[in-house]
Amino acid sequence: MELISYDMVSLRRHLERKTAPESEAALLKFTAGLPSLPSKQEDLFILHFSLYHALYRIKHQAGAEGWYLHLDPMRIRLIRTPGTDACHQYNADEGTFCPNAAVGFSWCMEHKKGHRKNRGSLSFDPLLDFYSNPENITFGKSDLLRKLMKGIRVYAFRKGEIDGALAFFNLGKPTRSMIQKRYHELAKKYHPDRNAGDDSLMKRLNQSYQVLCEVFVV
């Protein structure tokens, strides 16, 4: 399986010209020059992986030039970031930034509180790690593909929840075994039968463990 080399200049110009979010399916047809997408999972994965490999490169390059690339599979959008005096809260449904003025840290009063709470928490993007490595295109032939892609989709739509779970577990780039080990450590600490036990923290631990296991499958 070989990575498809897309024309990065053409792809970026296409995204820049768009005035609304575009679905991954539509973008795949554009980049591959196909009227419809292949039905074979392996062939579709090659197109998908090659596209996202290119998009993450564009995200990095364009980000340094004042652009924001949103990579929701249903709503891909390249848009100029607002100035420091405007709110940087992005609305994925509308494909626009919040129109309110910023009140410090590039957020308006409405969105500032949420970002203050998350500031300093542990977070990383497994999609970036996955798609940036060209060798991962071989997962198109792997039995793990279905589980990996499910985890990637879960992360894309539940990023905030997953970042919170990572912070609760105090983990940065975990494997499945690291998550399980940490779960048992925290379960001993928060179990209601122990002196320092806490029902609410135990409930949060179980919820965090469940969502992390959906994403980190290896």
Protein backbone atom coordinates (compact mmCIF):
# COMPACT_ATOMS: atom_id res chain seq x y z
CA MET A 1 0.00 0.00 0.00
CA GLU A 2 1.47 3.33 -1.07
CA LEU A 3 0.69 6.85 0.09
CA ILE A 4 -0.93 9.01 -2.59
CA SER A 5 0.96 12.24 -3.12
CA TYR A 6 -1.63 14.99 -3.48
CA ASP A 7 -0.89 18.41 -4.95
CA MET A 8 -0.60 20.38 -1.70
CA VAL A 9 -0.82 23.78 -3.39
CA SER A 10 -3.96 22.84 -5.30
CA LEU A 11 -5.55 21.28 -2.20
CA ARG A 12 -4.85 24.32 -0.05
CA ARG A 13 -6.17 26.73 -2.69
CA HIS A 14 -9.31 24.63 -2.97
CA LEU A 15 -9.85 24.85 0.78
CA GLU A 16 -9.11 28.58 0.87
CA ARG A 17 -11.74 29.28 -1.80
CA LYS A 18 -14.47 27.45 0.11
CA THR A 19 -16.89 29.71 1.97
CA ALA A 20 -18.47 26.88 3.99
CA PRO A 21 -17.34 23.57 5.56
CA GLU A 22 -16.89 20.61 3.21
CA SER A 23 -17.37 16.92 3.94
CA GLU A 24 -14.52 14.44 3.74
CA ALA A 25 -16.37 12.51 1.02
CA ALA A 26 -16.58 15.59 -1.21
CA LEU A 27 -12.93 16.43 -0.60
CA LEU A 28 -11.85 12.87 -1.36
CA LYS A 29 -13.65 13.01 -4.71
CA PHE A 30 -11.93 16.31 -5.50
CA THR A 31 -8.42 15.18 -4.57
CA ALA A 32 -8.73 11.78 -6.27
CA GLY A 33 -10.63 13.11 -9.29
CA LEU A 34 -13.31 10.44 -8.89
CA PRO A 35 -17.07 10.71 -9.50
CA SER A 36 -17.69 8.27 -6.63
CA LEU A 37 -15.66 6.66 -3.88
CA PRO A 38 -14.43 3.04 -4.03
CA SER A 39 -16.52 0.47 -2.18
CA LYS A 40 -13.57 -1.70 -1.14
CA GLN A 41 -12.48 -0.76 2.38
CA GLU A 42 -8.77 -1.11 1.60
CA ASP A 43 -8.92 1.23 -1.41
CA LEU A 44 -11.04 3.75 0.48
CA PHE A 45 -8.62 3.74 3.40
CA ILE A 46 -5.68 4.57 1.11
CA LEU A 47 -7.56 7.64 -0.16
CA HIS A 48 -8.64 8.59 3.35
CA PHE A 49 -5.23 8.21 4.95
CA SER A 50 -3.42 10.02 2.12
CA LEU A 51 -5.86 12.93 2.34
CA TYR A 52 -5.48 13.34 6.10
CA HIS A 53 -1.70 13.01 5.86
CA ALA A 54 -1.80 15.99 3.49
CA LEU A 55 -4.35 17.91 5.57
CA TYR A 56 -2.27 17.70 8.73
CA ARG A 57 0.72 19.06 6.83
CA ILE A 58 -1.45 21.93 5.59
CA LYS A 59 -2.79 22.48 9.11
CA HIS A 60 0.75 22.93 10.42
CA GLN A 61 1.91 25.16 7.55
CA ALA A 62 -1.25 27.27 7.36
CA GLY A 63 -1.42 27.65 11.15
CA ALA A 64 1.90 29.48 11.10
CA GLU A 65 0.43 31.86 8.52
CA GLY A 66 -2.72 32.80 10.43
CA TRP A 67 -5.12 30.11 9.19
CA TYR A 68 -7.15 27.53 11.12
CA LEU A 69 -7.92 24.13 9.60
CA HIS A 70 -10.83 22.32 11.26
CA LEU A 71 -10.73 18.58 10.56
CA ASP A 72 -14.15 17.29 11.56
CA PRO A 73 -14.82 14.57 8.92
CA MET A 74 -18.22 16.08 8.15
CA ARG A 75 -17.12 19.73 8.31
CA ILE A 76 -13.59 20.37 7.02
CA ARG A 77 -12.86 24.09 6.88
CA LEU A 78 -9.80 26.27 6.28
CA ILE A 79 -10.44 29.79 7.53
CA ARG A 80 -8.36 32.78 8.56
CA THR A 81 -8.07 33.15 12.32
CA PRO A 82 -9.38 36.42 13.75
CA GLY A 83 -7.07 39.04 15.25
CA THR A 84 -6.12 39.15 18.91
CA ASP A 85 -9.01 41.53 19.62
CA ALA A 86 -11.61 38.98 18.46
CA CYS A 87 -12.86 35.74 20.02
CA HIS A 88 -11.17 32.59 18.69
CA GLN A 89 -14.04 30.22 19.55
CA TYR A 90 -14.79 28.26 16.36
CA ASN A 91 -18.34 27.13 15.53
CA ALA A 92 -18.02 23.89 13.54
CA ASP A 93 -21.66 23.88 12.42
CA GLU A 94 -21.50 27.36 10.90
CA GLY A 95 -17.84 27.28 9.87
CA THR A 96 -17.17 30.66 11.49
CA PHE A 97 -15.56 32.16 14.58
CA CYS A 98 -17.50 33.77 17.39
CA PRO A 99 -18.26 37.39 16.37
CA ASN A 100 -17.75 38.80 19.88
CA ALA A 101 -14.77 40.88 20.96
CA ALA A 102 -12.02 39.19 22.98
CA VAL A 103 -11.50 39.99 26.63
CA GLY A 104 -8.00 38.62 27.20
CA PHE A 105 -6.47 35.35 25.92
CA SER A 106 -8.37 35.74 22.61
CA TRP A 107 -11.73 34.69 24.06
CA CYS A 108 -14.93 36.63 24.68
CA MET A 109 -16.52 36.70 28.11
CA GLU A 110 -18.87 33.84 27.17
CA HIS A 111 -16.08 31.46 26.12
CA LYS A 112 -13.24 32.63 28.36
CA LYS A 113 -14.38 30.65 31.40
CA GLY A 114 -14.37 27.27 29.64
CA HIS A 115 -10.90 27.79 28.23
CA ARG A 116 -9.55 28.97 31.58
CA LYS A 117 -10.73 25.70 33.14
CA ASN A 118 -8.95 23.62 30.47
CA ARG A 119 -5.74 25.66 30.43
CA GLY A 120 -2.76 23.59 31.52
CA SER A 121 -4.55 20.24 31.28
CA LEU A 122 -2.84 17.32 29.58
CA SER A 123 -3.93 16.90 25.99
CA PHE A 124 -2.65 15.54 22.72
CA ASP A 125 -4.05 14.75 19.31
CA PRO A 126 -3.84 11.02 18.42
CA LEU A 127 -5.07 11.84 14.93
CA LEU A 128 -1.98 13.96 14.32
CA ASP A 129 0.27 11.17 15.59
CA PHE A 130 -1.52 8.58 13.48
CA TYR A 131 -1.78 10.44 10.16
CA SER A 132 1.64 12.06 10.30
CA ASN A 133 3.37 8.67 10.08
CA PRO A 134 3.21 7.43 6.44
CA GLU A 135 3.85 3.85 7.60
CA ASN A 136 0.40 3.75 9.20
CA ILE A 137 -1.17 3.45 5.77
CA THR A 138 -0.53 -0.30 6.14
CA PHE A 139 -3.38 -0.43 8.67
CA GLY A 140 -5.65 -0.66 5.64
CA LYS A 141 -4.85 -4.38 5.65
CA SER A 142 -5.00 -4.82 9.42
CA ASP A 143 -7.73 -6.40 11.51
CA LEU A 144 -7.18 -3.47 13.88
CA LEU A 145 -8.36 -0.96 11.27
CA ARG A 146 -12.03 -1.05 12.27
CA LYS A 147 -11.19 -0.50 15.94
CA LEU A 148 -8.62 2.21 15.19
CA MET A 149 -10.96 4.13 12.92
CA LYS A 150 -13.74 3.90 15.47
CA GLY A 151 -11.40 5.35 18.08
CA ILE A 152 -10.37 8.17 15.75
CA ARG A 153 -14.00 9.04 15.01
CA VAL A 154 -14.82 9.02 18.74
CA TYR A 155 -11.92 11.38 19.41
CA ALA A 156 -12.95 13.74 16.61
CA PHE A 157 -16.46 14.17 18.01
CA ARG A 158 -15.73 13.94 21.76
CA LYS A 159 -12.36 15.68 22.05
CA GLY A 160 -13.27 17.77 25.09
CA GLU A 161 -14.53 14.76 27.03
CA ILE A 162 -11.44 12.71 26.15
CA ASP A 163 -9.04 15.52 27.07
CA GLY A 164 -10.78 15.75 30.44
CA ALA A 165 -10.42 12.00 30.95
CA LEU A 166 -6.70 12.18 30.12
CA ALA A 167 -6.27 14.99 32.64
CA PHE A 168 -8.14 12.99 35.31
CA PHE A 169 -5.88 9.98 34.66
CA ASN A 170 -2.84 12.30 34.49
CA LEU A 171 -1.75 10.72 31.21
CA GLY A 172 -0.38 12.34 28.08
CA LYS A 173 0.15 9.77 25.31
CA PRO A 174 -1.24 6.54 26.77
CA THR A 175 -1.39 2.99 25.53
CA ARG A 176 -4.23 0.65 26.45
CA SER A 177 -2.05 -1.07 29.05
CA MET A 178 -1.08 2.28 30.63
CA ILE A 179 -4.75 3.24 30.91
CA GLN A 180 -5.62 -0.08 32.56
CA LYS A 181 -2.73 0.20 35.02
CA ARG A 182 -3.68 3.77 35.95
CA TYR A 183 -7.32 2.77 36.32
CA HIS A 184 -6.46 0.11 38.91
CA GLU A 185 -4.26 2.60 40.81
CA LEU A 186 -7.02 5.20 40.97
CA ALA A 187 -9.70 2.61 41.73
CA LYS A 188 -7.80 1.59 44.86
CA LYS A 189 -7.56 5.25 45.84
CA TYR A 190 -11.18 6.27 45.20
CA HIS A 191 -13.08 3.06 46.03
CA PRO A 192 -15.89 3.88 48.52
CA ASP A 193 -14.79 1.06 50.86
CA ARG A 194 -11.48 2.82 51.53
CA ASN A 195 -10.97 5.66 54.00
CA ALA A 196 -10.25 8.18 51.26
CA GLY A 197 -12.89 6.72 48.96
CA ASP A 198 -15.30 8.94 47.09
CA ASP A 199 -18.43 7.79 45.22
CA SER A 200 -18.42 10.77 42.84
CA LEU A 201 -14.74 10.34 41.95
CA MET A 202 -15.21 6.60 41.45
CA LYS A 203 -18.09 7.32 39.09
CA ARG A 204 -15.97 9.82 37.17
CA LEU A 205 -13.11 7.32 37.06
CA ASN A 206 -15.32 4.66 35.47
CA GLN A 207 -16.73 7.15 32.93
CA SER A 208 -13.24 8.37 32.03
CA TYR A 209 -11.96 4.81 31.69
CA GLN A 210 -14.82 3.88 29.37
CA VAL A 211 -14.24 6.76 26.97
CA LEU A 212 -10.45 6.30 26.92
CA CYS A 213 -10.85 2.62 26.07
CA GLU A 214 -12.99 3.60 23.07
CA VAL A 215 -10.14 5.68 21.66
CA PHE A 216 -6.93 3.95 22.71
CA VAL A 217 -7.40 0.42 21.44
CA VAL A 218 -3.73 -0.70 21.36
